[in-house]
Protein backbone atom coordinates (compact mmCIF):
# COMPACT_ATOMS: atom_id res chain seq x y z
CA MET A 1 22.50 11.36 -6.10
CA PRO A 2 22.85 14.43 -8.36
CA LEU A 3 22.87 17.85 -6.70
CA SER A 4 19.62 18.52 -8.50
CA HIS A 5 17.15 15.66 -8.52
CA ARG A 6 14.37 16.27 -11.03
CA VAL A 7 11.05 14.65 -10.14
CA VAL A 8 8.35 14.72 -12.80
CA ILE A 9 4.81 13.91 -11.68
CA ALA A 10 2.08 13.23 -14.23
CA VAL A 11 -1.08 15.30 -13.81
CA PHE A 12 -4.24 14.81 -15.85
CA PRO A 13 -8.02 15.27 -15.49
CA ASP A 14 -9.55 13.53 -12.45
CA VAL A 15 -6.19 12.41 -11.07
CA ASP A 16 -6.29 11.65 -7.33
CA LEU A 17 -5.15 14.85 -5.60
CA LEU A 18 -3.26 13.24 -2.69
CA ASP A 19 -1.33 10.97 -5.08
CA VAL A 20 0.20 14.15 -6.54
CA THR A 21 0.51 16.43 -3.54
CA GLY A 22 1.52 13.73 -1.02
CA PRO A 23 4.79 12.73 -2.70
CA ALA A 24 5.47 16.38 -3.64
CA GLU A 25 5.24 17.32 0.05
CA VAL A 26 7.57 14.48 1.04
CA PHE A 27 10.23 15.64 -1.42
CA ALA A 28 9.82 19.27 -0.27
CA LEU A 29 10.22 18.25 3.37
CA ALA A 30 13.32 16.21 2.43
CA ASN A 31 14.79 19.43 1.03
CA ARG A 32 13.89 21.26 4.26
CA VAL A 33 15.34 18.73 6.71
CA THR A 34 18.59 18.48 4.69
CA ARG A 35 18.82 22.27 4.25
CA GLY A 36 18.54 21.84 0.51
CA ARG A 37 21.08 19.03 0.14
CA ALA A 38 18.43 16.59 -1.08
CA GLY A 39 18.06 18.73 -4.18
CA TYR A 40 14.57 17.61 -5.21
CA GLU A 41 12.94 19.74 -7.90
CA VAL A 42 9.34 18.74 -8.54
CA HIS A 43 7.73 19.48 -11.88
CA LEU A 44 4.12 18.70 -12.84
CA ALA A 45 3.61 17.47 -16.39
CA GLY A 46 0.20 17.36 -18.03
CA PRO A 47 -1.61 17.27 -21.37
CA VAL A 48 -1.26 21.05 -21.55
CA VAL A 49 0.41 23.79 -19.54
CA GLY A 50 -2.15 25.28 -17.18
CA ALA A 51 -4.94 24.23 -14.85
CA VAL A 52 -5.95 20.57 -14.50
CA ARG A 53 -8.96 19.59 -12.42
CA THR A 54 -8.33 16.71 -9.98
CA SER A 55 -10.84 14.20 -8.63
CA ALA A 56 -11.24 16.38 -5.53
CA GLY A 57 -12.27 19.36 -7.64
CA VAL A 58 -9.06 21.21 -6.76
CA ARG A 59 -7.14 22.49 -9.76
CA LEU A 60 -3.39 22.04 -10.16
CA LEU A 61 -1.17 24.05 -12.47
CA THR A 62 1.19 22.05 -14.65
CA ASP A 63 4.72 23.27 -15.35
CA VAL A 64 5.20 21.55 -18.68
CA SER A 65 3.17 19.65 -21.26
CA PHE A 66 3.75 15.98 -21.92
CA ASP A 67 5.26 16.70 -25.34
CA ARG A 68 7.74 19.15 -23.79
CA THR A 69 9.15 16.97 -20.99
CA ASP A 70 12.73 17.39 -22.07
CA GLY A 71 15.97 16.91 -20.20
CA ARG A 72 16.98 14.54 -17.44
CA VAL A 73 14.21 12.85 -15.41
CA ASP A 74 15.54 11.25 -12.22
CA THR A 75 12.18 10.10 -10.86
CA LEU A 76 9.06 9.75 -12.99
CA LEU A 77 5.98 9.48 -10.77
CA VAL A 78 2.67 8.29 -12.24
CA PRO A 79 -0.57 8.54 -10.24
CA GLY A 80 -3.89 7.35 -11.62
CA ALA A 81 -7.57 8.09 -12.01
CA VAL A 82 -10.66 5.91 -11.72
CA ASP A 83 -14.15 5.83 -13.20
CA MET A 84 -16.88 4.77 -10.80
CA THR A 85 -19.25 2.08 -12.14
CA GLU A 86 -22.00 -0.03 -10.64
CA ASP A 87 -19.39 -2.76 -10.11
CA GLY A 88 -16.96 -0.44 -8.35
CA PRO A 89 -13.95 1.66 -9.38
CA VAL A 90 -12.30 1.00 -12.76
CA ALA A 91 -8.82 2.35 -13.50
CA ARG A 92 -8.86 4.82 -16.37
CA ILE A 93 -6.44 4.20 -19.24
CA ASP A 94 -5.60 7.32 -21.22
CA ALA A 95 -3.90 6.60 -24.56
CA GLN A 96 -2.05 9.96 -24.54
CA ILE A 97 -0.48 9.20 -21.13
CA VAL A 98 0.44 5.68 -22.22
CA ARG A 99 2.22 7.00 -25.30
CA TRP A 100 4.05 9.58 -23.17
CA LEU A 101 5.19 6.86 -20.77
CA GLU A 102 6.40 4.68 -23.64
CA GLU A 103 8.56 7.59 -24.81
CA THR A 104 9.66 9.03 -21.45
CA ALA A 105 10.02 6.13 -19.03
CA PRO A 106 12.94 4.33 -20.74
CA ALA A 107 15.16 7.37 -20.26
CA ALA A 108 14.15 8.03 -16.64
CA ARG A 109 16.48 6.84 -13.91
CA ARG A 110 13.56 5.60 -11.79
CA VAL A 111 9.86 5.11 -12.47
CA ALA A 112 7.18 4.80 -9.80
CA SER A 113 3.41 4.51 -9.89
CA VAL A 114 1.02 5.56 -7.16
CA CYS A 115 -2.26 3.77 -6.59
CA VAL A 116 -3.98 2.92 -9.91
CA GLY A 117 -1.14 4.54 -11.83
CA ALA A 118 0.18 0.99 -12.10
CA HIS A 119 -2.45 0.36 -14.77
CA LEU A 120 -0.87 3.05 -16.93
CA LEU A 121 2.61 1.55 -16.49
CA ALA A 122 1.23 -1.84 -17.40
CA ALA A 123 -0.52 -0.47 -20.50
CA ALA A 124 2.85 1.00 -21.55
CA GLY A 125 4.41 -2.46 -21.25
CA LEU A 126 6.65 -1.46 -18.32
CA LEU A 127 5.41 -4.12 -15.92
CA ASP A 128 5.53 -7.21 -18.15
CA GLY A 129 7.32 -10.06 -16.40
CA LYS A 130 7.43 -8.16 -13.14
CA THR A 131 5.58 -8.16 -9.81
CA ALA A 132 3.49 -5.08 -9.10
CA THR A 133 0.88 -3.80 -6.70
CA THR A 134 -1.94 -1.27 -6.96
CA HIS A 135 -4.95 -0.19 -4.95
CA TRP A 136 -6.66 -3.36 -3.73
CA SER A 137 -9.96 -2.35 -5.38
CA THR A 138 -8.51 -2.55 -8.92
CA ALA A 139 -6.01 -5.37 -8.46
CA ALA A 140 -8.32 -7.89 -10.15
CA GLN A 141 -8.65 -5.54 -13.15
CA LEU A 142 -4.88 -5.19 -13.42
CA ALA A 143 -4.38 -8.93 -13.32
CA ALA A 144 -7.13 -9.58 -15.91
CA ASP A 145 -5.99 -6.85 -18.31
CA HIS A 146 -2.29 -7.72 -18.07
CA PRO A 147 -1.66 -11.45 -17.56
CA ALA A 148 2.09 -10.90 -18.07
CA VAL A 149 2.15 -8.94 -14.79
CA THR A 150 2.28 -10.71 -11.43
CA VAL A 151 -0.16 -8.71 -9.32
CA ASP A 152 0.22 -8.76 -5.56
CA PRO A 153 -2.67 -6.74 -4.03
CA ASP A 154 -1.39 -6.84 -0.48
CA PRO A 155 1.88 -4.83 -0.08
CA ILE A 156 2.17 -1.10 0.54
CA PHE A 157 4.65 -0.93 -2.33
CA VAL A 158 6.75 -3.25 -4.49
CA ARG A 159 10.30 -2.48 -5.67
CA THR A 160 11.57 -4.37 -8.70
CA ASP A 161 13.88 -4.22 -11.73
CA ARG A 162 16.92 -3.70 -9.43
CA GLY A 163 15.25 -0.69 -7.81
CA ARG A 164 14.43 1.13 -11.04
CA LEU A 165 10.70 0.37 -10.98
CA TRP A 166 8.32 0.89 -8.06
CA THR A 167 4.58 0.40 -7.75
CA GLY A 168 2.62 1.63 -4.76
CA ALA A 169 -0.79 1.03 -3.24
CA GLY A 170 -3.33 3.75 -2.63
CA ILE A 171 -4.11 6.24 -1.40
CA SER A 172 -2.27 7.38 1.72
CA ALA A 173 0.35 4.75 0.84
CA CYS A 174 1.74 7.37 -1.57
CA LEU A 175 3.50 8.83 1.50
CA ASP A 176 5.10 5.46 2.34
CA LEU A 177 6.27 5.06 -1.22
CA ALA A 178 7.72 8.57 -1.39
CA LEU A 179 9.44 8.10 1.98
CA ALA A 180 11.01 4.90 0.68
CA LEU A 181 12.28 6.73 -2.38
CA VAL A 182 13.83 9.38 -0.10
CA ALA A 183 15.38 6.64 2.06
CA GLU A 184 16.97 5.13 -1.02
CA ASP A 185 18.35 8.53 -2.06
CA GLN A 186 19.22 10.11 1.28
CA GLY A 187 19.28 7.30 3.84
CA GLU A 188 16.94 6.16 6.61
CA ASP A 189 17.70 9.06 8.92
CA VAL A 190 16.44 11.63 6.46
CA ALA A 191 13.35 9.56 5.67
CA LEU A 192 12.53 9.22 9.38
CA ALA A 193 13.06 12.96 9.89
CA VAL A 194 10.55 13.65 7.10
CA ALA A 195 8.12 11.18 8.67
CA ARG A 196 8.40 13.12 11.93
CA GLN A 197 7.59 16.35 10.08
CA LEU A 198 4.53 14.61 8.60
CA VAL A 199 3.54 13.48 12.11
CA MET A 200 3.44 9.90 10.91
CA TYR A 201 3.64 7.49 13.83
CA LEU A 202 5.91 5.17 11.89
CA ARG A 203 7.11 4.62 8.35
CA ARG A 204 5.50 1.45 7.02
CA GLN A 205 7.72 -0.96 5.14
CA GLY A 206 6.84 -2.14 1.66
CA GLY A 207 5.81 -5.70 2.55
CA GLN A 208 3.21 -4.66 5.06
CA SER A 209 -0.42 -5.21 4.24
CA GLN A 210 -2.62 -2.54 2.68
CA PHE A 211 -5.43 -3.34 5.09
CA SER A 212 -6.22 -5.18 8.29
CA VAL A 213 -7.97 -8.54 8.68
CA PRO A 214 -11.45 -7.03 9.25
CA LEU A 215 -11.08 -4.79 6.21
CA SER A 216 -9.80 -7.58 4.04
CA ARG A 217 -13.04 -9.56 4.43
CA PRO A 218 -16.25 -8.57 2.63
CA VAL A 219 -18.91 -6.76 4.59
CA SER A 220 -21.50 -9.24 5.79
CA ASP A 221 -25.21 -9.11 5.04
CA ARG A 222 -25.77 -9.92 8.71
CA ARG A 223 -25.16 -7.22 11.26
CA ASP A 224 -24.68 -9.77 14.05
CA ILE A 225 -21.73 -11.37 12.16
CA ASP A 226 -20.11 -7.97 11.58
CA GLU A 227 -20.53 -7.13 15.27
CA LEU A 228 -18.97 -10.49 16.18
CA ARG A 229 -15.98 -9.84 13.93
CA LEU A 230 -15.39 -6.52 15.69
CA TRP A 231 -15.79 -8.20 19.10
CA ILE A 232 -13.21 -10.84 18.13
CA THR A 233 -10.56 -8.20 17.33
CA GLU A 234 -11.15 -6.60 20.76
CA HIS A 235 -11.03 -9.86 22.74
CA LEU A 236 -8.22 -11.88 21.20
CA CYS A 237 -7.07 -13.30 24.53
CA GLU A 238 -10.47 -14.81 25.34
CA ASP A 239 -11.85 -18.23 24.37
CA LEU A 240 -12.56 -17.79 20.66
CA SER A 241 -13.24 -21.41 19.77
CA ALA A 242 -16.08 -22.12 17.40
CA ALA A 243 -18.08 -23.51 20.30
CA ALA A 244 -17.61 -20.36 22.39
CA LEU A 245 -18.43 -18.06 19.50
CA ALA A 246 -21.49 -20.13 18.59
CA ALA A 247 -22.71 -19.89 22.19
CA ARG A 248 -22.22 -16.11 22.07
CA MET A 249 -24.37 -16.01 18.93
CA CYS A 250 -26.96 -18.38 20.46
CA LEU A 251 -26.51 -20.77 17.55
CA SER A 252 -25.54 -24.39 17.30
CA GLU A 253 -21.86 -24.85 16.51
CA ARG A 254 -22.59 -26.46 13.12
CA HIS A 255 -25.07 -23.75 12.07
CA PHE A 256 -22.75 -20.98 13.31
CA ALA A 257 -19.77 -22.34 11.36
CA ARG A 258 -21.88 -22.56 8.20
CA VAL A 259 -23.28 -19.02 8.55
CA PHE A 260 -19.91 -17.51 9.42
CA LYS A 261 -18.18 -19.03 6.39
CA GLN A 262 -21.08 -18.04 4.13
CA GLU A 263 -20.87 -14.43 5.31
CA THR A 264 -17.05 -14.01 5.55
CA GLY A 265 -15.64 -16.54 3.11
CA THR A 266 -13.56 -18.22 5.83
CA SER A 267 -14.00 -20.49 8.82
CA PRO A 268 -14.20 -19.08 12.38
CA ALA A 269 -10.88 -20.71 13.28
CA ASP A 270 -9.06 -19.26 10.28
CA TYR A 271 -10.53 -15.79 10.90
CA VAL A 272 -9.50 -15.80 14.55
CA GLU A 273 -6.00 -16.99 13.74
CA ALA A 274 -5.58 -14.29 11.08
CA ALA A 275 -6.73 -11.60 13.52
CA ARG A 276 -4.30 -12.85 16.17
CA VAL A 277 -1.44 -12.98 13.68
CA GLU A 278 -2.16 -9.40 12.61
CA THR A 279 -1.83 -8.25 16.23
CA ALA A 280 1.38 -10.23 16.59
CA ARG A 281 2.74 -8.65 13.40
CA ARG A 282 2.12 -5.16 14.74
CA LEU A 283 3.89 -5.97 18.01
CA LEU A 284 6.86 -7.45 16.14
CA GLU A 285 7.04 -4.36 13.89
CA SER A 286 6.83 -1.77 16.62
CA THR A 287 8.15 -3.26 19.87
CA ASP A 288 11.05 -5.25 21.25
CA CYS A 289 8.77 -7.53 23.26
CA PRO A 290 10.04 -11.10 23.52
CA LEU A 291 8.15 -13.69 21.55
CA GLU A 292 6.51 -15.09 24.71
CA LYS A 293 4.86 -11.71 25.37
CA VAL A 294 3.92 -11.26 21.74
CA ALA A 295 2.23 -14.66 21.69
CA SER A 296 0.39 -13.92 24.92
CA ALA A 297 -0.77 -10.43 23.89
CA ALA A 298 -2.09 -11.73 20.57
CA GLY A 299 -4.03 -14.51 22.21
CA LEU A 300 -1.86 -17.23 20.70
CA GLY A 301 -0.72 -18.54 24.07
CA SER A 302 2.70 -19.99 23.37
CA VAL A 303 5.69 -19.34 21.14
CA GLU A 304 5.13 -22.70 19.48
CA THR A 305 1.57 -21.70 18.56
CA LEU A 306 2.86 -18.34 17.34
CA HIS A 307 5.34 -20.08 15.05
CA ARG A 308 2.69 -22.43 13.64
CA ALA A 309 0.28 -19.56 12.97
CA PHE A 310 2.97 -17.49 11.22
CA ARG A 311 3.94 -20.42 9.02
CA ARG A 312 0.31 -20.94 8.01
CA GLN A 313 -0.60 -17.28 7.51
CA LEU A 314 2.66 -15.75 6.24
CA ALA A 315 4.95 -18.63 5.30
CA SER A 316 7.51 -17.02 7.62
CA THR A 317 8.71 -17.16 11.23
CA PRO A 318 8.15 -14.40 13.84
CA ALA A 319 11.89 -13.73 14.06
CA ALA A 320 12.31 -13.44 10.28
CA TYR A 321 9.29 -11.16 10.10
CA ARG A 322 10.66 -8.90 12.80
CA ARG A 323 14.06 -8.66 11.10
CA ARG A 324 12.42 -7.60 7.86
CA PHE A 325 9.76 -5.23 9.08
CA ARG A 326 11.00 -3.83 12.39
CA THR A 327 10.28 -0.10 12.57
CA THR A 328 11.08 2.61 15.12
CA ALA A 329 8.32 4.51 16.84
CA LEU A 330 8.65 8.27 16.36
């Protein structure tokens, strides 16, 4: 890494504040924990030099205008902005930013998007033929607008193009992405030291999911179904068969299964298994518990059942998952 590592972050009206300040703080802390050896110099680039109002109402001061972003750019970081509509958030595409990316990105050593900034990279043609992620709420828009991009809405971040191109989820995932960039530049020890300074319990790896099983399912129109879903996550080691859940709801098993699928989009058995696998994943990521204890704690009973559930849910094995995503508690 060069002694001076120039990071340029795009700033424009209604940009998400944390997507700018979060990574900037990570790079500043990397400088602090290495006593300046990291060498990060963060510059904010915007349409003009001066104040830019963010989505939070806080104003940021840019250092340079887009048309004056001269010199070496080691890391080009692109956050995003959304417009709220009746159908939900829609990523905003600004033609001026897209043109700037088309001119600036090819010369940058590394390009990364935060949250819906991936839509801007895609509009500039930088994601064609590649896999990318974005905030889950606009993933369908990204896939529809850019069929040449393989959109994966689940991971915290995706690294592609031999490490030159990164796309991250939103919004707090900007910290995970920035920590991963620091780890690539400075090593895991520095990244973990920065995570400690941020009081982050652990540094999430890129392949981990943006959201948990309950959050990944639509909110039900029935309060009793939503309450049951919460109860399931808190009682994974109990009898969660369709018959037992139907009895808890005072419904026939057939009627319960029909209502549950109508409200959640999945069967009771699939929902329960996904919730149990999520708990097993967390234990594999954060503990050294043997697989027998992991299976028991997640309500899966046996290692054999754990293996079958992982193959169905993740197309992986528990051991392979642990090797890939094992983290250290701080």
